[in-house]
Amino acid sequence: MAMKRLSGFAAMLILVESILLSGYVLAQRPNPEGMMASAAKSAFYKIRVEVDKNRDGKISKAEFYAMYKDRSIAEKNYAAWDLSKDGYITEEEYVKAVVNIGKKKRR
């Protein structure tokens, strides 16, 4: 069970990191936010397939916390991704957060 949690968390970190590292390349293109959003949608789908146990299309707090061994880290990260503070991370929230991170990286 611990290996599954670690692999889901590792997959999420790898996906986010790859999106952020592509920021330089995307900044050279005419519509970097659109390209970043497209990559983020793809990443969210891959993450959701791994962690969305009830298949409702969003990541609940319980599903998110199951990826972490350290609850305090899970709480901090969840607060950053659940933009609406409704208890779920939706594709829209995930994409918005990734695009915002990408914008900050380009500054």
N, C-alpha and C. Protein backbone atom coordinates (compact mmCIF):
# COMPACT_ATOMS: atom_id res chain seq x y z
N MET A 1 0.83 -1.20 0.00
CA MET A 1 0.00 0.00 0.00
C MET A 1 0.86 1.25 0.00
N ALA A 2 1.92 1.28 0.80
CA ALA A 2 2.79 2.45 0.85
C ALA A 2 3.44 2.70 -0.49
N MET A 3 3.78 1.67 -1.23
CA MET A 3 4.39 1.84 -2.54
C MET A 3 3.41 2.51 -3.50
N LYS A 4 2.14 2.15 -3.42
CA LYS A 4 1.15 2.77 -4.29
C LYS A 4 1.02 4.26 -3.99
N ARG A 5 0.96 4.62 -2.73
CA ARG A 5 0.86 6.03 -2.37
C ARG A 5 2.06 6.80 -2.87
N LEU A 6 3.23 6.23 -2.70
CA LEU A 6 4.45 6.90 -3.14
C LEU A 6 4.47 7.02 -4.65
N SER A 7 4.05 5.99 -5.37
CA SER A 7 4.09 6.06 -6.83
C SER A 7 3.09 7.08 -7.35
N GLY A 8 1.92 7.18 -6.74
CA GLY A 8 0.94 8.18 -7.16
C GLY A 8 1.45 9.59 -6.91
N PHE A 9 2.06 9.78 -5.74
CA PHE A 9 2.63 11.08 -5.41
C PHE A 9 3.80 11.40 -6.33
N ALA A 10 4.65 10.41 -6.56
CA ALA A 10 5.80 10.62 -7.45
C ALA A 10 5.33 10.96 -8.86
N ALA A 11 4.30 10.28 -9.32
CA ALA A 11 3.77 10.56 -10.66
C ALA A 11 3.26 11.99 -10.74
N MET A 12 2.57 12.44 -9.70
CA MET A 12 2.06 13.80 -9.69
C MET A 12 3.20 14.81 -9.73
N LEU A 13 4.24 14.57 -8.93
CA LEU A 13 5.38 15.48 -8.92
C LEU A 13 6.09 15.51 -10.26
N ILE A 14 6.25 14.35 -10.86
CA ILE A 14 6.92 14.29 -12.16
C ILE A 14 6.12 15.04 -13.21
N LEU A 15 4.81 14.87 -13.21
CA LEU A 15 3.97 15.56 -14.19
C LEU A 15 4.03 17.08 -14.01
N VAL A 16 3.91 17.53 -12.77
CA VAL A 16 3.96 18.96 -12.50
C VAL A 16 5.34 19.52 -12.86
N GLU A 17 6.38 18.79 -12.49
CA GLU A 17 7.73 19.25 -12.79
C GLU A 17 7.96 19.35 -14.29
N SER A 18 7.49 18.38 -15.04
CA SER A 18 7.68 18.43 -16.49
C SER A 18 6.94 19.60 -17.11
N ILE A 19 5.78 19.91 -16.56
CA ILE A 19 5.03 21.08 -17.05
C ILE A 19 5.80 22.36 -16.75
N LEU A 20 6.30 22.47 -15.54
CA LEU A 20 7.02 23.68 -15.15
C LEU A 20 8.33 23.83 -15.90
N LEU A 21 9.04 22.72 -16.11
CA LEU A 21 10.31 22.79 -16.83
C LEU A 21 10.11 23.16 -18.29
N SER A 22 8.94 22.89 -18.81
CA SER A 22 8.68 23.26 -20.20
C SER A 22 8.32 24.74 -20.32
N GLY A 23 8.25 25.45 -19.22
CA GLY A 23 7.89 26.87 -19.24
C GLY A 23 8.77 27.72 -20.14
N TYR A 24 10.06 27.44 -20.15
CA TYR A 24 10.97 28.22 -20.99
C TYR A 24 10.62 28.04 -22.47
N VAL A 25 10.41 26.80 -22.87
CA VAL A 25 10.06 26.53 -24.27
C VAL A 25 8.72 27.16 -24.60
N LEU A 26 7.76 26.99 -23.71
CA LEU A 26 6.42 27.53 -23.96
C LEU A 26 6.43 29.06 -24.03
N ALA A 27 7.32 29.69 -23.29
CA ALA A 27 7.39 31.15 -23.29
C ALA A 27 7.82 31.67 -24.66
N GLN A 28 8.46 30.84 -25.44
CA GLN A 28 8.92 31.25 -26.76
C GLN A 28 7.81 31.15 -27.81
N ARG A 29 6.72 30.55 -27.46
CA ARG A 29 5.61 30.34 -28.40
C ARG A 29 4.58 31.45 -28.25
N PRO A 30 3.74 31.64 -29.29
CA PRO A 30 2.77 32.75 -29.26
C PRO A 30 1.73 32.68 -28.15
N ASN A 31 1.34 31.49 -27.71
CA ASN A 31 0.29 31.36 -26.70
C ASN A 31 0.75 30.40 -25.59
N PRO A 32 1.68 30.85 -24.74
CA PRO A 32 2.21 29.93 -23.72
C PRO A 32 1.15 29.47 -22.71
N GLU A 33 0.18 30.34 -22.37
CA GLU A 33 -0.84 29.94 -21.41
C GLU A 33 -1.71 28.83 -21.98
N GLY A 34 -2.05 28.92 -23.26
CA GLY A 34 -2.86 27.89 -23.90
C GLY A 34 -2.13 26.56 -23.96
N MET A 35 -0.86 26.62 -24.28
CA MET A 35 -0.05 25.39 -24.34
C MET A 35 0.10 24.80 -22.94
N MET A 36 0.31 25.66 -21.95
CA MET A 36 0.46 25.20 -20.57
C MET A 36 -0.85 24.58 -20.09
N ALA A 37 -1.98 25.20 -20.43
CA ALA A 37 -3.29 24.67 -20.03
C ALA A 37 -3.52 23.30 -20.65
N SER A 38 -3.15 23.15 -21.89
CA SER A 38 -3.32 21.86 -22.57
C SER A 38 -2.49 20.77 -21.90
N ALA A 39 -1.24 21.09 -21.57
CA ALA A 39 -0.37 20.13 -20.89
C ALA A 39 -0.93 19.81 -19.49
N ALA A 40 -1.46 20.82 -18.81
CA ALA A 40 -2.01 20.62 -17.47
C ALA A 40 -3.25 19.73 -17.51
N LYS A 41 -4.10 19.90 -18.53
CA LYS A 41 -5.28 19.04 -18.66
C LYS A 41 -4.87 17.59 -18.83
N SER A 42 -3.85 17.37 -19.65
CA SER A 42 -3.36 16.02 -19.85
C SER A 42 -2.79 15.44 -18.55
N ALA A 43 -2.05 16.26 -17.82
CA ALA A 43 -1.47 15.82 -16.55
C ALA A 43 -2.56 15.51 -15.54
N PHE A 44 -3.58 16.37 -15.46
CA PHE A 44 -4.67 16.13 -14.51
C PHE A 44 -5.37 14.81 -14.81
N TYR A 45 -5.58 14.54 -16.08
CA TYR A 45 -6.22 13.27 -16.46
C TYR A 45 -5.41 12.09 -15.95
N LYS A 46 -4.09 12.14 -16.14
CA LYS A 46 -3.22 11.04 -15.71
C LYS A 46 -3.22 10.89 -14.19
N ILE A 47 -3.21 12.00 -13.49
CA ILE A 47 -3.26 11.95 -12.02
C ILE A 47 -4.61 11.41 -11.56
N ARG A 48 -5.68 11.93 -12.17
CA ARG A 48 -7.03 11.52 -11.77
C ARG A 48 -7.24 10.02 -11.98
N VAL A 49 -6.73 9.48 -13.06
CA VAL A 49 -6.86 8.04 -13.30
C VAL A 49 -6.23 7.24 -12.16
N GLU A 50 -5.15 7.75 -11.61
CA GLU A 50 -4.45 7.06 -10.51
C GLU A 50 -5.16 7.21 -9.17
N VAL A 51 -5.71 8.37 -8.86
CA VAL A 51 -6.17 8.63 -7.50
C VAL A 51 -7.68 8.79 -7.33
N ASP A 52 -8.43 9.00 -8.39
CA ASP A 52 -9.87 9.23 -8.29
C ASP A 52 -10.59 7.89 -8.14
N LYS A 53 -10.63 7.40 -6.93
CA LYS A 53 -11.16 6.06 -6.66
C LYS A 53 -12.65 5.92 -6.94
N ASN A 54 -13.43 6.96 -6.71
CA ASN A 54 -14.88 6.86 -6.95
C ASN A 54 -15.26 7.31 -8.36
N ARG A 55 -14.28 7.69 -9.16
CA ARG A 55 -14.46 8.05 -10.57
C ARG A 55 -15.50 9.16 -10.79
N ASP A 56 -15.46 10.17 -9.92
CA ASP A 56 -16.40 11.29 -10.08
C ASP A 56 -15.79 12.45 -10.89
N GLY A 57 -14.57 12.28 -11.35
CA GLY A 57 -13.94 13.29 -12.20
C GLY A 57 -13.18 14.37 -11.47
N LYS A 58 -13.11 14.27 -10.16
CA LYS A 58 -12.37 15.24 -9.37
C LYS A 58 -11.64 14.50 -8.25
N ILE A 59 -10.70 15.19 -7.62
CA ILE A 59 -9.91 14.57 -6.57
C ILE A 59 -10.38 15.11 -5.23
N SER A 60 -10.91 14.21 -4.41
CA SER A 60 -11.40 14.62 -3.09
C SER A 60 -10.22 14.78 -2.13
N LYS A 61 -10.51 15.38 -1.01
CA LYS A 61 -9.48 15.55 0.02
C LYS A 61 -8.94 14.19 0.45
N ALA A 62 -9.82 13.22 0.68
CA ALA A 62 -9.40 11.88 1.11
C ALA A 62 -8.53 11.21 0.04
N GLU A 63 -8.93 11.35 -1.23
CA GLU A 63 -8.14 10.76 -2.31
C GLU A 63 -6.76 11.41 -2.41
N PHE A 64 -6.72 12.71 -2.22
CA PHE A 64 -5.46 13.45 -2.27
C PHE A 64 -4.56 13.05 -1.11
N TYR A 65 -5.12 13.03 0.10
CA TYR A 65 -4.34 12.71 1.29
C TYR A 65 -3.77 11.28 1.22
N ALA A 66 -4.47 10.38 0.52
CA ALA A 66 -4.00 8.99 0.42
C ALA A 66 -2.67 8.89 -0.32
N MET A 67 -2.29 9.93 -1.05
CA MET A 67 -1.01 9.92 -1.78
C MET A 67 0.17 10.25 -0.87
N TYR A 68 -0.09 10.75 0.32
CA TYR A 68 0.97 11.25 1.20
C TYR A 68 1.11 10.40 2.45
N LYS A 69 2.33 10.26 2.89
CA LYS A 69 2.59 9.63 4.18
C LYS A 69 2.51 10.67 5.29
N ASP A 70 2.93 11.88 5.01
CA ASP A 70 2.96 12.98 5.99
C ASP A 70 1.71 13.84 5.82
N ARG A 71 0.82 13.79 6.81
CA ARG A 71 -0.45 14.51 6.71
C ARG A 71 -0.26 16.03 6.65
N SER A 72 0.73 16.56 7.34
CA SER A 72 0.93 18.01 7.33
C SER A 72 1.34 18.51 5.95
N ILE A 73 2.13 17.73 5.24
CA ILE A 73 2.50 18.09 3.88
C ILE A 73 1.28 17.99 2.97
N ALA A 74 0.49 16.95 3.16
CA ALA A 74 -0.73 16.77 2.38
C ALA A 74 -1.67 17.97 2.57
N GLU A 75 -1.84 18.40 3.81
CA GLU A 75 -2.73 19.53 4.10
C GLU A 75 -2.25 20.80 3.40
N LYS A 76 -0.95 21.06 3.48
CA LYS A 76 -0.38 22.26 2.87
C LYS A 76 -0.55 22.22 1.35
N ASN A 77 -0.22 21.10 0.74
CA ASN A 77 -0.34 20.99 -0.72
C ASN A 77 -1.79 21.03 -1.17
N TYR A 78 -2.66 20.38 -0.42
CA TYR A 78 -4.08 20.37 -0.79
C TYR A 78 -4.65 21.79 -0.77
N ALA A 79 -4.29 22.54 0.23
CA ALA A 79 -4.78 23.92 0.34
C ALA A 79 -4.35 24.75 -0.88
N ALA A 80 -3.18 24.47 -1.41
CA ALA A 80 -2.68 25.21 -2.58
C ALA A 80 -3.42 24.82 -3.86
N TRP A 81 -3.87 23.58 -3.97
CA TRP A 81 -4.51 23.12 -5.20
C TRP A 81 -6.03 23.27 -5.19
N ASP A 82 -6.65 23.21 -4.02
CA ASP A 82 -8.12 23.35 -3.95
C ASP A 82 -8.46 24.84 -3.92
N LEU A 83 -8.45 25.44 -5.08
CA LEU A 83 -8.61 26.90 -5.17
C LEU A 83 -9.96 27.39 -4.67
N SER A 84 -11.02 26.62 -4.89
CA SER A 84 -12.36 27.05 -4.47
C SER A 84 -12.64 26.70 -3.00
N LYS A 85 -11.76 25.92 -2.40
CA LYS A 85 -11.91 25.50 -1.00
C LYS A 85 -13.21 24.74 -0.76
N ASP A 86 -13.63 23.95 -1.75
CA ASP A 86 -14.87 23.18 -1.62
C ASP A 86 -14.65 21.71 -1.28
N GLY A 87 -13.39 21.32 -1.09
CA GLY A 87 -13.09 19.94 -0.73
C GLY A 87 -12.73 19.05 -1.90
N TYR A 88 -12.64 19.61 -3.10
CA TYR A 88 -12.30 18.85 -4.29
C TYR A 88 -11.33 19.64 -5.17
N ILE A 89 -10.45 18.91 -5.85
CA ILE A 89 -9.61 19.53 -6.86
C ILE A 89 -10.19 19.12 -8.21
N THR A 90 -10.65 20.09 -8.96
CA THR A 90 -11.22 19.82 -10.27
C THR A 90 -10.16 20.07 -11.34
N GLU A 91 -10.47 19.64 -12.55
CA GLU A 91 -9.55 19.89 -13.67
C GLU A 91 -9.34 21.40 -13.84
N GLU A 92 -10.41 22.15 -13.74
CA GLU A 92 -10.32 23.61 -13.90
C GLU A 92 -9.37 24.22 -12.87
N GLU A 93 -9.49 23.80 -11.62
CA GLU A 93 -8.61 24.33 -10.56
C GLU A 93 -7.16 23.93 -10.81
N TYR A 94 -6.96 22.68 -11.19
CA TYR A 94 -5.61 22.19 -11.44
C TYR A 94 -4.96 22.98 -12.58
N VAL A 95 -5.70 23.14 -13.67
CA VAL A 95 -5.18 23.87 -14.83
C VAL A 95 -4.86 25.31 -14.45
N LYS A 96 -5.77 25.95 -13.74
CA LYS A 96 -5.55 27.34 -13.33
C LYS A 96 -4.30 27.46 -12.45
N ALA A 97 -4.13 26.55 -11.52
CA ALA A 97 -2.96 26.59 -10.62
C ALA A 97 -1.67 26.39 -11.41
N VAL A 98 -1.66 25.44 -12.34
CA VAL A 98 -0.46 25.19 -13.14
C VAL A 98 -0.12 26.40 -14.01
N VAL A 99 -1.12 26.99 -14.66
CA VAL A 99 -0.89 28.17 -15.51
C VAL A 99 -0.36 29.32 -14.65
N ASN A 100 -0.91 29.50 -13.47
CA ASN A 100 -0.43 30.57 -12.57
C ASN A 100 1.01 30.33 -12.15
N ILE A 101 1.36 29.09 -11.86
CA ILE A 101 2.74 28.76 -11.50
C ILE A 101 3.66 29.05 -12.70
N GLY A 102 3.22 28.66 -13.88
CA GLY A 102 4.01 28.92 -15.09
C GLY A 102 4.23 30.40 -15.33
N LYS A 103 3.20 31.22 -15.08
CA LYS A 103 3.33 32.67 -15.26
C LYS A 103 4.37 33.23 -14.28
N LYS A 104 4.32 32.75 -13.04
CA LYS A 104 5.29 33.22 -12.03
C LYS A 104 6.70 32.82 -12.41
N LYS A 105 6.87 31.62 -12.97
CA LYS A 105 8.19 31.16 -13.37
C LYS A 105 8.78 32.01 -14.50
N ARG A 106 7.93 32.50 -15.38
CA ARG A 106 8.41 33.29 -16.53
C ARG A 106 8.77 34.72 -16.16
N ARG A 107 8.33 35.19 -15.03
CA ARG A 107 8.59 36.58 -14.64
C ARG A 107 10.02 36.80 -14.27
